[in-house]
N, C-alpha and C. Protein backbone atom coordinates (compact mmCIF):
# COMPACT_ATOMS: atom_id res chain seq x y z
N MET A 1 -138.03 -22.19 58.49
CA MET A 1 -137.68 -23.18 59.48
C MET A 1 -136.22 -23.01 59.87
N VAL A 2 -135.91 -23.23 61.11
CA VAL A 2 -134.56 -23.08 61.62
C VAL A 2 -134.11 -24.43 62.17
N ALA A 3 -132.93 -24.88 61.75
CA ALA A 3 -132.38 -26.13 62.26
C ALA A 3 -131.59 -25.81 63.52
N GLU A 4 -131.74 -26.68 64.54
CA GLU A 4 -131.03 -26.45 65.80
C GLU A 4 -130.30 -27.72 66.22
N MET A 5 -129.10 -27.54 66.72
CA MET A 5 -128.35 -28.64 67.29
C MET A 5 -127.51 -28.05 68.41
N GLU A 6 -127.80 -28.44 69.62
CA GLU A 6 -127.17 -27.89 70.81
C GLU A 6 -127.22 -26.36 70.71
N SER A 7 -126.06 -25.69 70.58
CA SER A 7 -126.09 -24.23 70.53
C SER A 7 -125.96 -23.70 69.10
N VAL A 8 -126.00 -24.59 68.09
CA VAL A 8 -125.85 -24.17 66.70
C VAL A 8 -127.22 -23.83 66.12
N LYS A 9 -127.35 -22.60 65.62
CA LYS A 9 -128.59 -22.19 64.97
C LYS A 9 -128.24 -21.65 63.59
N VAL A 10 -128.85 -22.22 62.57
CA VAL A 10 -128.57 -21.81 61.21
C VAL A 10 -129.90 -21.54 60.51
N ASN A 11 -129.97 -20.41 59.85
CA ASN A 11 -131.19 -20.04 59.12
C ASN A 11 -131.16 -20.56 57.70
N VAL A 12 -130.78 -21.82 57.52
CA VAL A 12 -130.74 -22.44 56.22
C VAL A 12 -131.50 -23.75 56.31
N LYS A 13 -132.43 -23.96 55.39
CA LYS A 13 -133.19 -25.22 55.34
C LYS A 13 -132.91 -25.85 53.98
N PRO A 14 -132.09 -26.93 53.95
CA PRO A 14 -131.81 -27.59 52.68
C PRO A 14 -133.08 -28.14 52.04
N LEU A 15 -133.10 -28.19 50.72
CA LEU A 15 -134.25 -28.71 49.98
C LEU A 15 -134.02 -30.16 49.58
N SER A 16 -135.10 -30.88 49.40
CA SER A 16 -135.11 -32.24 48.89
C SER A 16 -134.15 -33.14 49.66
N ASP A 17 -133.19 -33.77 48.97
CA ASP A 17 -132.29 -34.73 49.61
C ASP A 17 -130.95 -34.11 49.96
N ARG A 18 -130.93 -32.81 50.17
CA ARG A 18 -129.67 -32.13 50.51
C ARG A 18 -129.48 -32.05 52.03
N VAL A 19 -128.20 -31.97 52.42
CA VAL A 19 -127.82 -31.99 53.83
C VAL A 19 -126.81 -30.87 54.05
N LEU A 20 -126.94 -30.14 55.16
CA LEU A 20 -125.98 -29.10 55.53
C LEU A 20 -125.04 -29.69 56.57
N VAL A 21 -123.73 -29.65 56.29
CA VAL A 21 -122.73 -30.28 57.14
C VAL A 21 -121.70 -29.26 57.58
N GLU A 22 -121.33 -29.30 58.84
CA GLU A 22 -120.22 -28.50 59.36
C GLU A 22 -119.00 -29.41 59.40
N ALA A 23 -117.98 -29.08 58.61
CA ALA A 23 -116.78 -29.91 58.53
C ALA A 23 -116.01 -29.89 59.84
N ALA A 24 -115.44 -31.03 60.19
CA ALA A 24 -114.59 -31.13 61.37
C ALA A 24 -113.30 -30.35 61.09
N PRO A 25 -112.66 -29.82 62.12
CA PRO A 25 -111.40 -29.11 61.88
C PRO A 25 -110.33 -30.04 61.32
N ALA A 26 -109.43 -29.49 60.50
CA ALA A 26 -108.34 -30.27 59.92
C ALA A 26 -107.37 -30.70 61.01
N GLU A 27 -106.74 -31.83 60.80
CA GLU A 27 -105.78 -32.35 61.78
C GLU A 27 -104.60 -31.39 61.90
N GLU A 28 -104.20 -31.10 63.14
CA GLU A 28 -103.08 -30.18 63.40
C GLU A 28 -101.74 -30.91 63.44
N LYS A 29 -101.76 -32.20 63.88
CA LYS A 29 -100.52 -32.96 63.92
C LYS A 29 -100.80 -34.44 63.70
N THR A 30 -99.76 -35.17 63.31
CA THR A 30 -99.89 -36.59 63.03
C THR A 30 -99.98 -37.38 64.33
N SER A 31 -100.22 -38.68 64.20
CA SER A 31 -100.30 -39.55 65.38
C SER A 31 -98.94 -39.66 66.09
N PHE A 32 -97.85 -39.31 65.38
CA PHE A 32 -96.52 -39.32 65.97
C PHE A 32 -96.15 -37.98 66.59
N GLY A 33 -97.03 -36.98 66.50
CA GLY A 33 -96.78 -35.69 67.11
C GLY A 33 -96.14 -34.66 66.19
N ILE A 34 -96.01 -34.99 64.91
CA ILE A 34 -95.41 -34.05 63.96
C ILE A 34 -96.47 -33.02 63.58
N ILE A 35 -96.15 -31.75 63.71
CA ILE A 35 -97.08 -30.67 63.40
C ILE A 35 -97.19 -30.52 61.88
N ILE A 36 -98.42 -30.47 61.38
CA ILE A 36 -98.67 -30.35 59.95
C ILE A 36 -98.82 -28.87 59.60
N PRO A 37 -98.01 -28.36 58.64
CA PRO A 37 -98.16 -26.95 58.25
C PRO A 37 -99.46 -26.72 57.49
N ASP A 38 -99.94 -25.49 57.49
CA ASP A 38 -101.20 -25.15 56.83
C ASP A 38 -101.22 -25.56 55.36
N THR A 39 -100.11 -25.45 54.69
CA THR A 39 -100.06 -25.76 53.26
C THR A 39 -100.20 -27.25 52.98
N ALA A 40 -99.95 -28.10 53.96
CA ALA A 40 -100.01 -29.55 53.76
C ALA A 40 -101.27 -30.18 54.35
N LYS A 41 -102.09 -29.39 55.02
CA LYS A 41 -103.30 -29.95 55.63
C LYS A 41 -104.29 -30.39 54.55
N GLU A 42 -104.88 -31.55 54.78
CA GLU A 42 -105.87 -32.05 53.84
C GLU A 42 -107.25 -31.59 54.24
N LYS A 43 -108.11 -31.48 53.24
CA LYS A 43 -109.49 -31.09 53.47
C LYS A 43 -110.17 -32.19 54.30
N PRO A 44 -110.87 -31.83 55.38
CA PRO A 44 -111.51 -32.86 56.21
C PRO A 44 -112.59 -33.61 55.43
N GLN A 45 -112.77 -34.88 55.76
CA GLN A 45 -113.79 -35.71 55.13
C GLN A 45 -114.81 -36.17 56.16
N ARG A 46 -114.85 -35.51 57.28
CA ARG A 46 -115.76 -35.85 58.37
C ARG A 46 -116.44 -34.58 58.82
N GLY A 47 -117.69 -34.69 59.22
CA GLY A 47 -118.39 -33.51 59.69
C GLY A 47 -119.65 -33.88 60.45
N THR A 48 -120.34 -32.85 60.93
CA THR A 48 -121.57 -33.02 61.69
C THR A 48 -122.73 -32.45 60.91
N VAL A 49 -123.82 -33.20 60.82
CA VAL A 49 -125.01 -32.76 60.11
C VAL A 49 -125.69 -31.67 60.93
N ILE A 50 -125.90 -30.50 60.32
CA ILE A 50 -126.51 -29.36 60.99
C ILE A 50 -127.98 -29.21 60.63
N ALA A 51 -128.32 -29.50 59.37
CA ALA A 51 -129.71 -29.40 58.91
C ALA A 51 -129.93 -30.38 57.76
N ILE A 52 -131.16 -30.84 57.60
CA ILE A 52 -131.49 -31.78 56.51
C ILE A 52 -132.73 -31.30 55.78
N GLY A 53 -132.85 -31.74 54.53
CA GLY A 53 -134.04 -31.44 53.74
C GLY A 53 -135.15 -32.42 54.08
N THR A 54 -136.19 -32.41 53.28
CA THR A 54 -137.35 -33.27 53.52
C THR A 54 -137.22 -34.62 52.87
N GLY A 55 -136.21 -34.82 52.01
CA GLY A 55 -136.04 -36.07 51.30
C GLY A 55 -136.85 -36.09 50.02
N LYS A 56 -136.64 -37.12 49.22
CA LYS A 56 -137.40 -37.28 47.98
C LYS A 56 -138.70 -38.00 48.30
N LYS A 57 -139.64 -37.94 47.37
CA LYS A 57 -140.97 -38.51 47.59
C LYS A 57 -140.91 -39.98 48.01
N ASP A 58 -140.11 -40.78 47.30
CA ASP A 58 -140.05 -42.22 47.58
C ASP A 58 -138.82 -42.63 48.39
N GLU A 59 -137.97 -41.65 48.75
CA GLU A 59 -136.74 -41.97 49.47
C GLU A 59 -136.55 -41.02 50.65
N PRO A 60 -136.97 -41.40 51.85
CA PRO A 60 -136.73 -40.54 53.01
C PRO A 60 -135.24 -40.51 53.36
N LEU A 61 -134.80 -39.45 53.99
CA LEU A 61 -133.39 -39.33 54.37
C LEU A 61 -133.06 -40.28 55.51
N THR A 62 -131.83 -40.80 55.50
CA THR A 62 -131.40 -41.71 56.57
C THR A 62 -130.55 -40.99 57.60
N VAL A 63 -129.96 -39.84 57.24
CA VAL A 63 -129.17 -39.09 58.22
C VAL A 63 -130.08 -38.18 59.02
N GLN A 64 -129.64 -37.84 60.21
CA GLN A 64 -130.42 -36.97 61.09
C GLN A 64 -129.51 -35.85 61.59
N VAL A 65 -130.11 -34.78 62.04
CA VAL A 65 -129.36 -33.66 62.60
C VAL A 65 -128.57 -34.17 63.80
N GLY A 66 -127.28 -33.84 63.84
CA GLY A 66 -126.41 -34.27 64.92
C GLY A 66 -125.54 -35.46 64.58
N ASP A 67 -125.83 -36.17 63.47
CA ASP A 67 -125.03 -37.32 63.06
C ASP A 67 -123.64 -36.86 62.63
N THR A 68 -122.63 -37.65 62.96
CA THR A 68 -121.28 -37.43 62.44
C THR A 68 -121.14 -38.33 61.22
N VAL A 69 -120.74 -37.73 60.09
CA VAL A 69 -120.73 -38.46 58.82
C VAL A 69 -119.37 -38.37 58.14
N LEU A 70 -119.12 -39.35 57.26
CA LEU A 70 -117.96 -39.34 56.38
C LEU A 70 -118.46 -39.07 54.97
N TYR A 71 -117.75 -38.20 54.24
CA TYR A 71 -118.16 -37.85 52.88
C TYR A 71 -116.93 -37.77 51.99
N GLY A 72 -117.14 -37.69 50.69
CA GLY A 72 -116.04 -37.63 49.73
C GLY A 72 -115.22 -36.37 49.88
N LYS A 73 -113.96 -36.46 49.48
CA LYS A 73 -113.02 -35.35 49.62
C LYS A 73 -113.52 -34.09 48.90
N TYR A 74 -114.14 -34.24 47.74
CA TYR A 74 -114.60 -33.10 46.97
C TYR A 74 -116.12 -32.99 46.94
N ALA A 75 -116.78 -33.58 47.90
CA ALA A 75 -118.25 -33.58 47.95
C ALA A 75 -118.78 -32.22 48.38
N GLY A 76 -119.94 -31.89 47.87
CA GLY A 76 -120.65 -30.71 48.32
C GLY A 76 -120.13 -29.39 47.79
N THR A 77 -120.85 -28.35 48.17
CA THR A 77 -120.52 -26.98 47.80
C THR A 77 -120.31 -26.20 49.08
N GLU A 78 -119.21 -25.46 49.14
CA GLU A 78 -118.92 -24.67 50.33
C GLU A 78 -119.78 -23.41 50.32
N ILE A 79 -120.42 -23.13 51.45
CA ILE A 79 -121.21 -21.90 51.61
C ILE A 79 -120.83 -21.26 52.94
N THR A 80 -121.03 -19.96 53.02
CA THR A 80 -120.77 -19.24 54.26
C THR A 80 -122.08 -18.63 54.74
N VAL A 81 -122.45 -18.94 55.96
CA VAL A 81 -123.67 -18.41 56.57
C VAL A 81 -123.28 -17.74 57.87
N GLU A 82 -123.57 -16.45 57.98
CA GLU A 82 -123.27 -15.67 59.18
C GLU A 82 -121.81 -15.82 59.60
N GLY A 83 -120.90 -15.80 58.61
CA GLY A 83 -119.47 -15.85 58.88
C GLY A 83 -118.91 -17.23 59.17
N LYS A 84 -119.71 -18.27 59.11
CA LYS A 84 -119.26 -19.62 59.38
C LYS A 84 -119.38 -20.46 58.11
N GLU A 85 -118.40 -21.33 57.85
CA GLU A 85 -118.40 -22.12 56.63
C GLU A 85 -119.05 -23.48 56.84
N TYR A 86 -119.85 -23.87 55.85
CA TYR A 86 -120.55 -25.15 55.85
C TYR A 86 -120.43 -25.77 54.47
N LEU A 87 -120.80 -27.04 54.37
CA LEU A 87 -120.91 -27.73 53.10
C LEU A 87 -122.37 -28.12 52.91
N ILE A 88 -122.89 -27.94 51.71
CA ILE A 88 -124.23 -28.43 51.40
C ILE A 88 -124.06 -29.47 50.31
N MET A 89 -124.59 -30.67 50.55
CA MET A 89 -124.39 -31.79 49.63
C MET A 89 -125.61 -32.68 49.59
N ARG A 90 -125.68 -33.50 48.57
CA ARG A 90 -126.76 -34.50 48.49
C ARG A 90 -126.44 -35.63 49.49
N GLU A 91 -127.48 -36.27 49.96
CA GLU A 91 -127.27 -37.37 50.91
C GLU A 91 -126.45 -38.49 50.26
N SER A 92 -126.56 -38.65 48.95
CA SER A 92 -125.82 -39.70 48.26
C SER A 92 -124.30 -39.46 48.27
N ASP A 93 -123.86 -38.22 48.59
CA ASP A 93 -122.43 -37.91 48.71
C ASP A 93 -121.87 -38.36 50.05
N ILE A 94 -122.73 -38.77 50.96
CA ILE A 94 -122.31 -39.23 52.29
C ILE A 94 -122.08 -40.72 52.22
N PHE A 95 -120.88 -41.15 52.69
CA PHE A 95 -120.51 -42.57 52.63
C PHE A 95 -120.97 -43.35 53.84
N ALA A 96 -120.90 -42.73 55.03
CA ALA A 96 -121.20 -43.47 56.26
C ALA A 96 -121.59 -42.54 57.39
N ILE A 97 -122.33 -43.09 58.34
CA ILE A 97 -122.66 -42.41 59.59
C ILE A 97 -121.80 -43.05 60.66
N LEU A 98 -121.09 -42.23 61.41
CA LEU A 98 -120.21 -42.77 62.47
C LEU A 98 -120.93 -42.86 63.79
């Protein structure tokens, strides 16, 4: 199965209650216009759901492909698919849908 969202195609299908997320780019500058150097940039905690698993038997997933979500700073495992980086995490690691 292939997950699709607009022009994004990924040949990864998460299992069970896992979700594949593409992290949003890190902030380049502060709200005051100060440019943040690469060494001081924080890991993004927001991303877009690219693919979802089937859920657990008694617990269907609440997130859907295309949702923008907030997750923990150290949530998930980083994977690279076709040269692009993604996070794969359990749905319980997601705090909110924006």
